[in-house]
């Protein structure tokens, strides 16, 4: 939520409101789907379509993140979450990809929810900035998603 610098609350940004509208539409769409298999297949198609809409840099990273998650944590089901590609276990989001353009950020983000088992003592990272998908980055993401569902 934004403020005007004086500490006065101005409400949600246009990007935040759009994400909330996306989420409401995702819930309606999910409720209309029939069988569990249909839901899974359609949810993955929705994720792939959302990725295809992204600008080149974000799309390239999101496609690779999608492939890495599927290869390293096949128990995670792709789904849209607030208009972002996300991956869930038993319906609960474990990780998600936020494009840089979605919130006009300078980098994309790979984020993990509290469902992810990334705990390392009293403090650990739950989100990572992505500017490029190198083989090393893909390997690290693979290890993180494996750990997240272990």
C-alpha atoms as a PDB file:
ATOM      1  CA  UNK A   1       0.000   0.000   0.000  1.00  0.00           C
ATOM      2  CA  UNK A   2       1.233   3.438  -0.770  1.00  0.00           C
ATOM      3  CA  UNK A   3       1.499   6.583   1.252  1.00  0.00           C
ATOM      4  CA  UNK A   4       2.086  10.175   0.209  1.00  0.00           C
ATOM      5  CA  UNK A   5       5.299  10.615   2.196  1.00  0.00           C
ATOM      6  CA  UNK A   6       3.542  12.268   5.125  1.00  0.00           C
ATOM      7  CA  UNK A   7       2.522   8.884   6.470  1.00  0.00           C
ATOM      8  CA  UNK A   8      -1.047   9.318   5.202  1.00  0.00           C
ATOM      9  CA  UNK A   9      -2.421   6.143   3.653  1.00  0.00           C
ATOM     10  CA  UNK A  10      -3.500   6.511   0.018  1.00  0.00           C
ATOM     11  CA  UNK A  11      -4.827   2.977  -0.556  1.00  0.00           C
ATOM     12  CA  UNK A  12      -3.727   0.273  -2.934  1.00  0.00           C
ATOM     13  CA  UNK A  13      -1.722   1.018  -6.059  1.00  0.00           C
ATOM     14  CA  UNK A  14      -3.236   0.311  -9.471  1.00  0.00           C
ATOM     15  CA  UNK A  15      -0.948  -2.732  -9.741  1.00  0.00           C
ATOM     16  CA  UNK A  16      -2.104  -4.069  -6.361  1.00  0.00           C
ATOM     17  CA  UNK A  17      -5.771  -3.577  -7.298  1.00  0.00           C
ATOM     18  CA  UNK A  18      -5.178  -5.386 -10.620  1.00  0.00           C
ATOM     19  CA  UNK A  19      -3.535  -8.309  -8.783  1.00  0.00           C
ATOM     20  CA  UNK A  20      -6.525  -8.576  -6.431  1.00  0.00           C
ATOM     21  CA  UNK A  21      -8.923  -8.571  -9.413  1.00  0.00           C
ATOM     22  CA  UNK A  22      -6.800 -11.293 -11.051  1.00  0.00           C
ATOM     23  CA  UNK A  23      -7.050 -13.392  -7.903  1.00  0.00           C
ATOM     24  CA  UNK A  24     -10.834 -13.011  -7.678  1.00  0.00           C
ATOM     25  CA  UNK A  25     -11.158 -14.109 -11.316  1.00  0.00           C
ATOM     26  CA  UNK A  26      -8.817 -17.081 -10.689  1.00  0.00           C
ATOM     27  CA  UNK A  27     -11.026 -18.256  -7.814  1.00  0.00           C
ATOM     28  CA  UNK A  28     -14.164 -18.002  -9.971  1.00  0.00           C
ATOM     29  CA  UNK A  29     -12.519 -19.898 -12.837  1.00  0.00           C
ATOM     30  CA  UNK A  30     -11.239 -22.629 -10.519  1.00  0.00           C
ATOM     31  CA  UNK A  31     -14.697 -23.106  -8.986  1.00  0.00           C
ATOM     32  CA  UNK A  32     -16.277 -23.594 -12.441  1.00  0.00           C
ATOM     33  CA  UNK A  33     -13.935 -26.385 -13.492  1.00  0.00           C
ATOM     34  CA  UNK A  34     -15.278 -29.919 -13.229  1.00  0.00           C
ATOM     35  CA  UNK A  35     -12.963 -32.856 -12.526  1.00  0.00           C
ATOM     36  CA  UNK A  36      -9.678 -32.713 -10.669  1.00  0.00           C
ATOM     37  CA  UNK A  37      -7.756 -33.788 -13.808  1.00  0.00           C
ATOM     38  CA  UNK A  38      -9.487 -31.078 -15.863  1.00  0.00           C
ATOM     39  CA  UNK A  39      -8.648 -28.520 -13.204  1.00  0.00           C
ATOM     40  CA  UNK A  40      -4.959 -29.479 -13.203  1.00  0.00           C
ATOM     41  CA  UNK A  41      -4.657 -29.459 -17.003  1.00  0.00           C
ATOM     42  CA  UNK A  42      -6.530 -26.173 -17.362  1.00  0.00           C
ATOM     43  CA  UNK A  43      -4.561 -24.561 -14.526  1.00  0.00           C
ATOM     44  CA  UNK A  44      -1.295 -25.448 -16.249  1.00  0.00           C
ATOM     45  CA  UNK A  45      -2.609 -24.047 -19.549  1.00  0.00           C
ATOM     46  CA  UNK A  46      -3.521 -20.832 -17.700  1.00  0.00           C
ATOM     47  CA  UNK A  47       0.024 -20.579 -16.306  1.00  0.00           C
ATOM     48  CA  UNK A  48       1.628 -21.216 -19.707  1.00  0.00           C
ATOM     49  CA  UNK A  49      -0.688 -18.616 -21.302  1.00  0.00           C
ATOM     50  CA  UNK A  50       0.147 -16.046 -18.596  1.00  0.00           C
ATOM     51  CA  UNK A  51       3.859 -16.657 -19.144  1.00  0.00           C
ATOM     52  CA  UNK A  52       3.398 -16.223 -22.918  1.00  0.00           C
ATOM     53  CA  UNK A  53       1.884 -12.755 -22.298  1.00  0.00           C
ATOM     54  CA  UNK A  54       5.027 -11.518 -20.521  1.00  0.00           C
ATOM     55  CA  UNK A  55       7.674  -9.316 -22.111  1.00  0.00           C
ATOM     56  CA  UNK A  56      10.738 -11.080 -23.496  1.00  0.00           C
ATOM     57  CA  UNK A  57      13.052 -10.980 -20.463  1.00  0.00           C
ATOM     58  CA  UNK A  58      10.372 -11.980 -17.939  1.00  0.00           C
ATOM     59  CA  UNK A  59       8.905 -14.596 -20.300  1.00  0.00           C
ATOM     60  CA  UNK A  60      12.270 -16.284 -20.861  1.00  0.00           C
ATOM     61  CA  UNK A  61      12.917 -16.467 -17.111  1.00  0.00           C
ATOM     62  CA  UNK A  62       9.357 -17.615 -16.308  1.00  0.00           C
ATOM     63  CA  UNK A  63       9.489 -20.370 -18.946  1.00  0.00           C
ATOM     64  CA  UNK A  64      12.720 -21.668 -17.457  1.00  0.00           C
ATOM     65  CA  UNK A  65      11.416 -21.400 -13.878  1.00  0.00           C
ATOM     66  CA  UNK A  66       8.323 -23.355 -14.963  1.00  0.00           C
ATOM     67  CA  UNK A  67      10.464 -26.109 -16.502  1.00  0.00           C
ATOM     68  CA  UNK A  68      12.821 -26.253 -13.499  1.00  0.00           C
ATOM     69  CA  UNK A  69       9.953 -26.476 -10.983  1.00  0.00           C
ATOM     70  CA  UNK A  70       8.213 -29.216 -12.973  1.00  0.00           C
ATOM     71  CA  UNK A  71      11.450 -31.213 -13.296  1.00  0.00           C
ATOM     72  CA  UNK A  72      12.602 -30.849  -9.692  1.00  0.00           C
ATOM     73  CA  UNK A  73       9.321 -30.780  -7.757  1.00  0.00           C
ATOM     74  CA  UNK A  74       6.715 -32.650  -9.839  1.00  0.00           C
ATOM     75  CA  UNK A  75       4.414 -32.808  -6.799  1.00  0.00           C
ATOM     76  CA  UNK A  76       3.811 -29.068  -7.218  1.00  0.00           C
ATOM     77  CA  UNK A  77       0.800 -28.157  -9.353  1.00  0.00           C
ATOM     78  CA  UNK A  78       0.997 -25.036 -11.545  1.00  0.00           C
ATOM     79  CA  UNK A  79      -1.739 -22.458 -10.961  1.00  0.00           C
ATOM     80  CA  UNK A  80      -2.277 -18.736 -11.260  1.00  0.00           C
ATOM     81  CA  UNK A  81      -2.039 -16.787  -8.025  1.00  0.00           C
ATOM     82  CA  UNK A  82      -2.800 -13.054  -8.092  1.00  0.00           C
ATOM     83  CA  UNK A  83      -2.101 -13.176 -11.833  1.00  0.00           C
ATOM     84  CA  UNK A  84       1.319 -14.776 -11.349  1.00  0.00           C
ATOM     85  CA  UNK A  85       2.560 -18.264 -12.209  1.00  0.00           C
ATOM     86  CA  UNK A  86       2.607 -20.225  -8.964  1.00  0.00           C
ATOM     87  CA  UNK A  87       3.152 -23.799  -7.849  1.00  0.00           C
ATOM     88  CA  UNK A  88       1.038 -25.406  -5.144  1.00  0.00           C
ATOM     89  CA  UNK A  89       1.028 -28.512  -2.975  1.00  0.00           C
ATOM     90  CA  UNK A  90      -2.447 -29.704  -1.967  1.00  0.00           C
ATOM     91  CA  UNK A  91      -3.876 -26.399  -3.182  1.00  0.00           C
ATOM     92  CA  UNK A  92      -1.526 -24.233  -1.092  1.00  0.00           C
ATOM     93  CA  UNK A  93       1.009 -22.069  -2.946  1.00  0.00           C
ATOM     94  CA  UNK A  94       4.607 -23.024  -2.205  1.00  0.00           C
ATOM     95  CA  UNK A  95       6.399 -20.775  -4.708  1.00  0.00           C
ATOM     96  CA  UNK A  96       5.623 -18.190  -7.380  1.00  0.00           C
ATOM     97  CA  UNK A  97       7.225 -16.135 -10.131  1.00  0.00           C
ATOM     98  CA  UNK A  98       6.553 -12.400 -10.138  1.00  0.00           C
ATOM     99  CA  UNK A  99       7.539 -10.655 -13.350  1.00  0.00           C
ATOM    100  CA  UNK A 100       9.429  -7.389 -13.122  1.00  0.00           C
ATOM    101  CA  UNK A 101       6.839  -5.646 -15.270  1.00  0.00           C
ATOM    102  CA  UNK A 102       3.879  -6.653 -13.043  1.00  0.00           C
ATOM    103  CA  UNK A 103       4.826  -4.163 -10.329  1.00  0.00           C
ATOM    104  CA  UNK A 104       7.266  -2.072 -12.399  1.00  0.00           C
ATOM    105  CA  UNK A 105      10.226  -3.500 -10.493  1.00  0.00           C
ATOM    106  CA  UNK A 106      13.812  -3.625 -11.713  1.00  0.00           C
ATOM    107  CA  UNK A 107      13.957  -7.421 -11.336  1.00  0.00           C
ATOM    108  CA  UNK A 108      11.677 -10.452 -11.389  1.00  0.00           C
ATOM    109  CA  UNK A 109      11.145 -12.362  -8.152  1.00  0.00           C
ATOM    110  CA  UNK A 110      11.008 -16.035  -7.252  1.00  0.00           C
ATOM    111  CA  UNK A 111       9.139 -16.122  -3.969  1.00  0.00           C
ATOM    112  CA  UNK A 112       8.302 -18.865  -1.491  1.00  0.00           C
ATOM    113  CA  UNK A 113       5.361 -18.972   0.904  1.00  0.00           C
ATOM    114  CA  UNK A 114       5.460 -20.172   4.486  1.00  0.00           C
ATOM    115  CA  UNK A 115       4.487 -23.614   3.109  1.00  0.00           C
ATOM    116  CA  UNK A 116       8.026 -23.981   1.716  1.00  0.00           C
ATOM    117  CA  UNK A 117      10.429 -25.895   3.928  1.00  0.00           C
ATOM    118  CA  UNK A 118      13.392 -23.573   3.476  1.00  0.00           C
ATOM    119  CA  UNK A 119      14.039 -23.115   7.189  1.00  0.00           C
ATOM    120  CA  UNK A 120      17.674 -22.548   8.135  1.00  0.00           C
ATOM    121  CA  UNK A 121      17.891 -21.691  11.814  1.00  0.00           C
ATOM    122  CA  UNK A 122      16.192 -18.524  13.049  1.00  0.00           C
ATOM    123  CA  UNK A 123      16.365 -16.670   9.666  1.00  0.00           C
ATOM    124  CA  UNK A 124      16.255 -17.589   5.949  1.00  0.00           C
ATOM    125  CA  UNK A 125      15.459 -16.069   2.582  1.00  0.00           C
ATOM    126  CA  UNK A 126      11.955 -16.501   1.183  1.00  0.00           C
ATOM    127  CA  UNK A 127      12.300 -14.463  -2.027  1.00  0.00           C
ATOM    128  CA  UNK A 128      15.022 -14.109  -4.616  1.00  0.00           C
ATOM    129  CA  UNK A 129      15.624 -11.395  -7.214  1.00  0.00           C
ATOM    130  CA  UNK A 130      16.070 -12.731 -10.759  1.00  0.00           C
ATOM    131  CA  UNK A 131      17.681 -10.753 -13.546  1.00  0.00           C
ATOM    132  CA  UNK A 132      18.844 -13.640 -15.720  1.00  0.00           C
ATOM    133  CA  UNK A 133      18.365 -17.413 -15.944  1.00  0.00           C
ATOM    134  CA  UNK A 134      21.800 -18.947 -16.200  1.00  0.00           C
ATOM    135  CA  UNK A 135      22.453 -22.660 -15.750  1.00  0.00           C
ATOM    136  CA  UNK A 136      23.768 -21.888 -12.258  1.00  0.00           C
ATOM    137  CA  UNK A 137      20.572 -20.000 -11.357  1.00  0.00           C
ATOM    138  CA  UNK A 138      18.409 -22.833 -12.721  1.00  0.00           C
ATOM    139  CA  UNK A 139      20.392 -25.349 -10.653  1.00  0.00           C
ATOM    140  CA  UNK A 140      19.941 -23.244  -7.508  1.00  0.00           C
ATOM    141  CA  UNK A 141      16.198 -22.887  -8.157  1.00  0.00           C
ATOM    142  CA  UNK A 142      15.969 -26.660  -8.647  1.00  0.00           C
ATOM    143  CA  UNK A 143      17.633 -27.247  -5.290  1.00  0.00           C
ATOM    144  CA  UNK A 144      15.373 -24.691  -3.570  1.00  0.00           C
ATOM    145  CA  UNK A 145      12.135 -26.180  -4.888  1.00  0.00           C
ATOM    146  CA  UNK A 146      13.283 -29.696  -3.963  1.00  0.00           C
ATOM    147  CA  UNK A 147      14.014 -28.464  -0.437  1.00  0.00           C
ATOM    148  CA  UNK A 148      10.722 -26.544  -0.337  1.00  0.00           C
ATOM    149  CA  UNK A 149       8.709 -29.755  -0.754  1.00  0.00           C
ATOM    150  CA  UNK A 150      10.968 -32.101   1.215  1.00  0.00           C
END
